[in-house]
Amino acid sequence: MSEPRVAVVGGGVMGLATAWALVRRGARPVVLERFGRGHHEGASHGATRNFNNAYAQEHYLDLLVRAREGWDALSDPDGEQLLRLHGLVTHGTSNDLGGGDLSSVHAALTARGIPADLLDGVEAARRWPGMRFEETVLFSPDAGVVRAAAAIERLEALVVAGGGSVRWAEPVERIERRDDGATVHLRSGETVDADVVVVTAGAWTRPLLGDVRLPRLTVTEESPAHFRPTTAGWPSFNHVVDPDTYPAAIYGMPTPGEGVKVGFHGVGPEVDPDARPHRPTLQAELAAYVREWLPGLDPTTAEPISCTYTSTPDGAFVLDRIGSLVVGAGFSGHGFKFAPGIGAVLADLALDAGALAAEPFRVARRSVAGELARADEARADEPS
């Protein structure tokens, strides 16, 4: 029996990771991406993403383990690894930090054999003099950053080498579902027939799947910035702050050649992805945070970056199969690190109609009415 024909709509990290997982299993997917190679319109561009492992929920830790295996397999043995494991520092007082407080995250990581230590603020400040701490700090050396742009290039190369294809600048107008598959209609007038279509279209998911029952997907433009460091030895970091002082939780990471990236998690204005203003917001607040908490950065040197989040009301991903469609969506600003694991899950769903993602990621378990009612509530302080 031949493998099903699979089309992947969306050539960001999730679509390419899915295509890579498919070619590893003998399939020959075609990836259709609306923009050209190296574009900055979606959520996968840029040099770095936080490889943050500060989670307590089992479904995220399962995905993290699967992702870590994928990142290791992706790295070129003759070149630089895609993960830079310089460690992750997490601090703050939230009880919803990655699904629990610092003690529960520490317990969940150590139960998995993932190294993690709880430090007092004095010891943490000694280790990382560019940062200020007031309370207990969680440190995991098995974390750091993903080289994001390099990962996209590597994934594309492996997809093509495995017999798949990646078609850049191929906008999809609509997806016509049938009982025995689906037809993808391109703006060019061409059609692509497939047994299964995987949709990993980021901010453009809802327009493509308007009649498909999904949680609400909100697209926002976020404005982190790079700051010039005045000290060396930076880890990646998460900080859950007092919401009466700063707009949201903070994340950050060193980006060689650009500085240290610092950003608020998920508080940008809602935007139309086709009319995105690329206008930085909350820069005064971000500089004030840097001045107070990151004495090893020059707060006057901010170089803002524009990126998008496509978020669900509860911050949980959508990984599910609906007939001949497989949907990967709503990565809510904390999905990139999981990409090889997410790609493997979406490939499972594409190749096996009976496969299921972890229950929290399924559409059926979510009350759309309930999620819409919660849409105006504050987003959970999930680390990026």
Protein backbone atom coordinates (compact mmCIF):
# COMPACT_ATOMS: atom_id res chain seq x y z
CA MET A 1 0.00 0.00 0.00
CA SER A 2 1.46 3.38 -0.98
CA GLU A 3 1.99 6.21 1.49
CA PRO A 4 -0.69 8.91 1.41
CA ARG A 5 -0.01 12.04 -0.61
CA VAL A 6 0.53 14.87 1.87
CA ALA A 7 0.52 18.61 1.21
CA VAL A 8 1.77 20.96 3.93
CA VAL A 9 0.40 24.50 3.81
CA GLY A 10 2.83 26.84 5.58
CA GLY A 11 6.61 26.65 5.32
CA GLY A 12 7.65 28.08 8.66
CA VAL A 13 9.38 25.96 11.26
CA MET A 14 6.27 23.88 12.04
CA GLY A 15 5.51 23.05 8.41
CA LEU A 16 9.12 22.23 7.58
CA ALA A 17 9.51 20.14 10.76
CA THR A 18 6.39 18.21 9.77
CA ALA A 19 7.68 17.67 6.23
CA TRP A 20 11.02 16.46 7.63
CA ALA A 21 9.23 13.98 9.89
CA LEU A 22 7.23 12.78 6.88
CA VAL A 23 10.24 12.21 4.62
CA ARG A 24 11.96 10.30 7.40
CA ARG A 25 9.04 7.86 7.17
CA GLY A 26 9.14 7.51 3.42
CA ALA A 27 6.51 10.09 2.41
CA ARG A 28 7.15 12.74 -0.24
CA PRO A 29 5.29 15.85 0.95
CA VAL A 30 4.99 19.13 -0.90
CA VAL A 31 5.29 22.27 1.24
CA LEU A 32 3.46 25.38 0.02
CA GLU A 33 4.59 28.70 1.53
CA ARG A 34 2.89 31.99 0.66
CA PHE A 35 6.07 34.10 1.02
CA GLY A 36 9.57 33.82 -0.38
CA ARG A 37 12.49 32.10 1.30
CA GLY A 38 13.90 34.12 4.23
CA HIS A 39 10.84 36.35 4.66
CA HIS A 40 10.05 38.21 7.92
CA GLU A 41 6.24 38.17 7.77
CA GLY A 42 5.53 35.14 9.93
CA ALA A 43 6.77 33.85 13.28
CA SER A 44 9.85 31.79 12.35
CA HIS A 45 12.43 34.35 11.24
CA GLY A 46 15.34 35.69 13.27
CA ALA A 47 18.55 34.31 14.68
CA THR A 48 17.42 32.83 18.01
CA ARG A 49 14.51 31.38 19.98
CA ASN A 50 14.48 30.49 23.65
CA PHE A 51 15.02 26.77 24.25
CA ASN A 52 13.12 26.94 27.52
CA ASN A 53 12.41 23.73 29.42
CA ALA A 54 10.74 25.28 32.50
CA TYR A 55 7.49 23.28 32.29
CA ALA A 56 5.72 21.07 34.80
CA GLN A 57 2.87 19.73 32.61
CA GLU A 58 3.45 16.21 31.39
CA HIS A 59 2.15 16.85 27.86
CA TYR A 60 4.68 19.65 27.34
CA LEU A 61 7.51 17.65 28.85
CA ASP A 62 6.66 14.68 26.59
CA LEU A 63 6.78 17.06 23.63
CA LEU A 64 10.02 18.60 24.88
CA VAL A 65 11.74 15.19 25.07
CA ARG A 66 10.60 14.39 21.54
CA ALA A 67 11.74 17.81 20.35
CA ARG A 68 15.16 17.43 21.95
CA GLU A 69 15.68 14.16 20.11
CA GLY A 70 14.74 15.92 16.90
CA TRP A 71 17.06 18.88 17.42
CA ASP A 72 19.94 16.51 18.08
CA ALA A 73 19.13 14.54 14.91
CA LEU A 74 18.87 17.74 12.86
CA SER A 75 22.25 19.13 13.78
CA ASP A 76 25.01 18.71 11.20
CA PRO A 77 27.77 16.56 12.73
CA ASP A 78 30.33 18.58 10.76
CA GLY A 79 28.95 21.98 11.78
CA GLU A 80 27.62 23.97 14.71
CA GLN A 81 24.77 22.44 16.67
CA LEU A 82 21.32 24.02 16.32
CA LEU A 83 21.00 24.15 20.11
CA ARG A 84 23.30 26.34 22.18
CA LEU A 85 22.97 24.95 25.69
CA HIS A 86 24.26 27.80 27.82
CA GLY A 87 21.50 27.23 30.40
CA LEU A 88 18.21 28.82 31.42
CA VAL A 89 17.49 30.93 34.51
CA THR A 90 13.85 31.18 35.64
CA HIS A 91 12.65 33.30 38.53
CA GLY A 92 9.53 35.01 39.81
CA THR A 93 6.63 34.19 42.10
CA SER A 94 3.87 33.01 39.76
CA ASN A 95 2.05 29.78 40.50
CA ASP A 96 1.42 29.38 36.76
CA LEU A 97 5.00 29.32 35.55
CA GLY A 98 5.10 26.54 32.98
CA GLY A 99 2.24 24.85 34.81
CA GLY A 100 3.43 25.28 38.38
CA ASP A 101 5.70 27.13 40.78
CA LEU A 102 9.49 26.80 40.66
CA SER A 103 9.53 23.83 43.04
CA SER A 104 7.05 21.84 40.96
CA VAL A 105 8.89 22.66 37.72
CA HIS A 106 12.15 21.57 39.38
CA ALA A 107 10.54 18.31 40.52
CA ALA A 108 9.07 17.62 37.08
CA LEU A 109 12.40 18.19 35.34
CA THR A 110 14.46 16.10 37.74
CA ALA A 111 11.90 13.27 37.54
CA ARG A 112 12.63 13.19 33.81
CA GLY A 113 16.38 13.17 34.35
CA ILE A 114 16.68 16.75 33.07
CA PRO A 115 19.28 18.56 35.19
CA ALA A 116 17.92 21.48 37.24
CA ASP A 117 18.95 23.25 40.44
CA LEU A 118 17.22 25.65 42.82
CA LEU A 119 19.50 28.52 43.87
CA ASP A 120 19.06 31.40 46.24
CA GLY A 121 19.20 34.92 44.83
CA VAL A 122 22.68 35.63 46.23
CA GLU A 123 24.22 32.61 44.52
CA ALA A 124 22.40 33.39 41.28
CA ALA A 125 23.68 36.99 41.30
CA ARG A 126 27.21 35.71 41.82
CA ARG A 127 26.93 33.42 38.81
CA TRP A 128 25.21 35.97 36.55
CA PRO A 129 26.30 39.45 37.60
CA GLY A 130 24.44 41.05 34.69
CA MET A 131 21.10 40.12 36.30
CA ARG A 132 19.32 41.01 39.56
CA PHE A 133 17.43 38.46 41.64
CA GLU A 134 15.31 38.73 44.77
CA GLU A 135 14.10 35.20 45.41
CA THR A 136 14.68 31.56 44.52
CA VAL A 137 16.01 30.87 41.05
CA LEU A 138 15.64 27.72 38.94
CA PHE A 139 18.62 26.94 36.71
CA SER A 140 18.71 24.23 34.06
CA PRO A 141 21.97 23.77 32.16
CA ASP A 142 20.17 21.65 29.55
CA ALA A 143 18.52 24.69 27.95
CA GLY A 144 19.52 27.81 26.05
CA VAL A 145 18.63 28.88 22.52
CA VAL A 146 17.72 27.40 19.16
CA ARG A 147 19.49 28.89 16.14
CA ALA A 148 16.20 29.69 14.45
CA ALA A 149 17.23 30.86 10.97
CA ALA A 150 19.79 28.05 10.69
CA ALA A 151 17.10 25.55 11.70
CA ILE A 152 14.84 26.66 8.86
CA GLU A 153 17.67 26.23 6.34
CA ARG A 154 18.59 22.81 7.70
CA LEU A 155 15.01 21.56 7.67
CA GLU A 156 14.45 22.64 4.08
CA ALA A 157 17.67 20.96 2.97
CA LEU A 158 16.69 17.67 4.62
CA VAL A 159 13.14 17.77 3.24
CA VAL A 160 14.43 18.20 -0.30
CA ALA A 161 17.18 15.61 0.16
CA GLY A 162 14.53 13.17 1.39
CA GLY A 163 12.44 13.53 -1.75
CA GLY A 164 9.97 16.19 -0.62
CA SER A 165 9.61 19.63 -2.18
CA VAL A 166 9.34 23.15 -0.81
CA ARG A 167 7.59 25.70 -3.02
CA TRP A 168 8.19 29.28 -1.90
CA ALA A 169 5.98 32.22 -2.92
CA GLU A 170 3.00 29.92 -3.53
CA PRO A 171 0.00 31.49 -1.76
CA VAL A 172 -2.93 29.18 -1.06
CA GLU A 173 -6.37 30.64 -1.72
CA ARG A 174 -8.49 27.89 -0.22
CA ILE A 175 -8.60 24.23 0.72
CA GLU A 176 -11.46 22.13 -0.63
CA ARG A 177 -12.16 19.13 1.55
CA ARG A 178 -13.53 15.87 0.20
CA ASP A 179 -14.43 12.53 1.74
CA ASP A 180 -11.36 10.97 0.15
CA GLY A 181 -8.89 13.85 0.57
CA ALA A 182 -8.57 17.52 -0.25
CA THR A 183 -7.65 19.87 -3.06
CA VAL A 184 -5.43 22.87 -2.38
CA HIS A 185 -6.23 25.81 -4.65
CA LEU A 186 -3.26 28.11 -5.28
CA ARG A 187 -3.48 31.78 -6.17
CA SER A 188 -1.75 30.95 -9.44
CA GLY A 189 -4.78 28.88 -10.49
CA GLU A 190 -2.98 25.58 -10.03
CA THR A 191 -4.44 22.89 -7.79
CA VAL A 192 -2.69 20.28 -5.64
CA ASP A 193 -4.58 17.11 -4.76
CA ALA A 194 -3.68 15.25 -1.58
CA ASP A 195 -5.00 12.52 0.66
CA VAL A 196 -4.15 14.70 3.68
CA VAL A 197 -3.41 18.41 4.00
CA VAL A 198 -1.42 19.60 7.01
CA VAL A 199 -2.12 23.26 7.80
CA THR A 200 0.66 25.04 9.67
CA ALA A 201 -0.14 28.53 8.39
CA GLY A 202 0.42 30.52 11.58
CA ALA A 203 -1.39 33.85 11.50
CA TRP A 204 -3.20 32.81 8.29
CA THR A 205 -4.75 29.65 9.76
CA ARG A 206 -8.18 31.06 10.48
CA PRO A 207 -8.72 32.61 7.01
CA LEU A 208 -7.82 29.26 5.42
CA LEU A 209 -9.97 27.20 7.80
CA GLY A 210 -12.88 29.51 8.40
CA ASP A 211 -15.49 26.72 8.59
CA VAL A 212 -13.39 24.40 10.74
CA ARG A 213 -14.18 24.31 14.45
CA LEU A 214 -11.13 25.67 16.29
CA PRO A 215 -10.45 27.66 19.43
CA ARG A 216 -10.18 31.38 18.88
CA LEU A 217 -6.82 32.32 17.30
CA THR A 218 -5.64 35.85 18.08
CA VAL A 219 -2.78 37.37 16.06
CA THR A 220 -0.65 39.98 17.83
CA GLU A 221 2.47 41.91 16.91
CA GLU A 222 5.11 41.62 19.63
CA SER A 223 8.10 43.93 20.09
CA PRO A 224 11.11 42.44 21.86
CA ALA A 225 14.42 44.25 21.46
CA HIS A 226 18.14 43.53 21.47
CA PHE A 227 20.21 45.40 24.08
CA ARG A 228 23.97 45.79 24.15
CA PRO A 229 25.56 43.80 27.02
CA THR A 230 28.18 45.32 29.31
CA THR A 231 28.90 41.98 31.01
CA ALA A 232 29.59 38.52 29.58
CA GLY A 233 28.25 35.04 30.31
CA TRP A 234 24.54 35.45 29.65
CA PRO A 235 22.08 32.58 30.08
CA SER A 236 18.60 32.49 28.61
CA PHE A 237 15.99 33.61 31.13
CA ASN A 238 12.34 33.83 32.16
CA HIS A 239 11.05 36.22 34.79
CA VAL A 240 7.46 36.35 36.03
CA VAL A 241 7.03 39.89 37.34
CA ASP A 242 4.47 41.73 39.42
CA PRO A 243 1.64 42.49 36.94
CA ASP A 244 1.08 45.84 38.65
CA THR A 245 4.63 46.85 37.73
CA TYR A 246 5.22 45.50 34.23
CA PRO A 247 2.79 44.40 31.49
CA ALA A 248 3.72 40.71 31.36
CA ALA A 249 6.30 38.04 32.03
CA ILE A 250 9.77 38.64 30.56
CA TYR A 251 11.89 36.32 28.46
CA GLY A 252 15.37 36.81 27.07
CA MET A 253 18.41 35.19 25.51
CA PRO A 254 21.84 36.07 24.12
CA THR A 255 21.99 36.47 20.34
CA PRO A 256 25.62 36.59 19.16
CA GLY A 257 26.31 39.65 17.04
CA GLU A 258 23.03 41.33 18.01
CA GLY A 259 23.08 41.57 21.80
CA VAL A 260 20.72 40.14 24.39
CA LYS A 261 17.10 39.81 23.31
CA VAL A 262 14.54 40.88 25.93
CA GLY A 263 10.76 40.91 25.49
CA PHE A 264 7.39 40.94 27.20
CA HIS A 265 5.43 37.74 26.58
CA GLY A 266 2.20 38.10 24.62
CA VAL A 267 0.99 41.66 25.23
CA GLY A 268 1.27 43.19 21.75
CA PRO A 269 -1.69 44.72 19.91
CA GLU A 270 -3.97 42.52 17.84
CA VAL A 271 -3.22 42.89 14.12
CA ASP A 272 -4.28 41.75 10.69
CA PRO A 273 -1.28 39.72 9.44
CA ASP A 274 -1.78 41.13 5.94
CA ALA A 275 -1.64 44.71 7.24
CA ARG A 276 0.90 44.42 10.02
CA PRO A 277 2.24 47.85 11.03
CA HIS A 278 5.72 46.67 12.11
CA ARG A 279 5.51 49.35 14.79
CA PRO A 280 7.29 48.75 18.14
CA THR A 281 5.20 49.04 21.31
CA LEU A 282 5.98 49.13 25.05
CA GLN A 283 9.59 50.14 24.44
CA ALA A 284 9.73 52.58 27.38
CA GLU A 285 8.41 49.86 29.69
CA LEU A 286 10.93 47.37 28.32
CA ALA A 287 13.82 49.79 28.87
CA ALA A 288 12.56 50.42 32.42
CA TYR A 289 12.61 46.68 33.10
CA VAL A 290 16.14 46.37 31.75
CA ARG A 291 17.26 49.30 33.90
CA GLU A 292 15.81 47.71 37.05
CA TRP A 293 16.54 44.02 36.57
CA LEU A 294 19.36 43.67 34.03
CA PRO A 295 22.24 45.91 35.12
CA GLY A 296 24.53 44.11 32.66
CA LEU A 297 22.66 45.61 29.68
CA ASP A 298 22.69 49.19 28.44
CA PRO A 299 18.98 50.22 28.48
CA THR A 300 19.59 53.02 25.97
CA THR A 301 20.68 50.67 23.18
CA ALA A 302 17.39 48.95 22.30
CA GLU A 303 17.03 47.67 18.73
CA PRO A 304 13.36 46.62 18.45
CA ILE A 305 12.29 43.50 16.58
CA SER A 306 8.82 42.75 15.18
CA CYS A 307 7.37 39.27 15.47
CA THR A 308 3.91 37.74 15.63
CA TYR A 309 2.13 35.46 18.07
CA THR A 310 -0.90 33.42 17.05
CA SER A 311 -2.45 32.55 20.39
CA THR A 312 -5.25 30.46 21.81
CA PRO A 313 -7.09 31.81 24.88
CA ASP A 314 -5.42 29.27 27.19
CA GLY A 315 -2.01 29.29 25.45
CA ALA A 316 -2.26 25.58 24.59
CA PHE A 317 -1.39 24.42 21.08
CA VAL A 318 -3.85 22.95 18.58
CA LEU A 319 -2.58 19.61 17.22
CA ASP A 320 -5.41 17.58 15.75
CA ARG A 321 -6.86 15.82 12.72
CA ILE A 322 -10.26 16.80 11.32
CA GLY A 323 -11.14 14.52 8.42
CA SER A 324 -8.58 15.01 5.68
CA LEU A 325 -7.06 18.03 7.45
CA VAL A 326 -4.35 18.04 10.10
CA VAL A 327 -4.04 21.32 11.97
CA GLY A 328 -1.04 22.67 13.85
CA ALA A 329 -1.86 26.12 15.19
CA GLY A 330 -1.99 28.52 18.13
CA PHE A 331 1.61 28.20 19.29
CA SER A 332 1.11 31.26 21.48
CA GLY A 333 4.69 32.48 21.47
CA HIS A 334 6.20 29.39 23.08
CA GLY A 335 6.16 26.84 20.28
CA PHE A 336 9.44 27.14 18.34
CA LYS A 337 11.53 25.06 20.75
CA PHE A 338 9.06 22.18 20.37
CA ALA A 339 9.10 22.22 16.55
CA PRO A 340 10.71 18.80 15.85
CA GLY A 341 8.36 17.22 18.39
CA ILE A 342 5.35 19.04 16.98
CA GLY A 343 6.35 18.01 13.47
CA ALA A 344 6.55 14.38 14.56
CA VAL A 345 3.07 14.58 16.14
CA LEU A 346 1.57 16.18 13.02
CA ALA A 347 3.23 13.53 10.85
CA ASP A 348 1.70 10.85 13.10
CA LEU A 349 -1.72 12.39 12.53
CA ALA A 350 -1.19 12.71 8.78
CA LEU A 351 -0.09 9.11 8.27
CA ASP A 352 -2.47 7.41 10.71
CA ALA A 353 -6.12 8.48 10.86
CA GLY A 354 -6.39 6.81 14.26
CA ALA A 355 -3.49 8.67 15.86
CA LEU A 356 -4.15 11.22 18.60
CA ALA A 357 -2.11 14.07 20.01
CA ALA A 358 -1.99 14.53 23.77
CA GLU A 359 -5.48 15.33 25.07
CA PRO A 360 -4.83 19.00 25.98
CA PHE A 361 -3.93 19.73 22.33
CA ARG A 362 -7.08 18.25 20.79
CA VAL A 363 -9.91 20.40 19.47
CA ALA A 364 -12.64 18.15 20.84
CA ARG A 365 -11.65 18.67 24.47
CA ARG A 366 -11.97 22.44 24.18
CA SER A 367 -15.25 24.28 24.56
CA VAL A 368 -15.17 26.95 21.88
CA ALA A 369 -17.91 28.87 23.67
CA GLY A 370 -15.97 28.70 26.91
CA GLU A 371 -12.76 29.80 25.25
CA LEU A 372 -14.47 32.73 23.58
CA ALA A 373 -15.84 33.78 26.95
CA ARG A 374 -12.32 33.72 28.38
CA ALA A 375 -10.74 35.48 25.42
CA ASP A 376 -10.71 38.87 27.12
CA GLU A 377 -9.09 37.55 30.29
CA ALA A 378 -5.37 38.04 30.84
CA ARG A 379 -3.21 35.49 29.03
CA ALA A 380 -1.45 32.98 31.22
CA ASP A 381 2.12 33.90 32.10
CA GLU A 382 3.70 31.05 30.13
CA PRO A 383 7.42 31.53 29.58
CA SER A 384 8.42 31.98 25.94
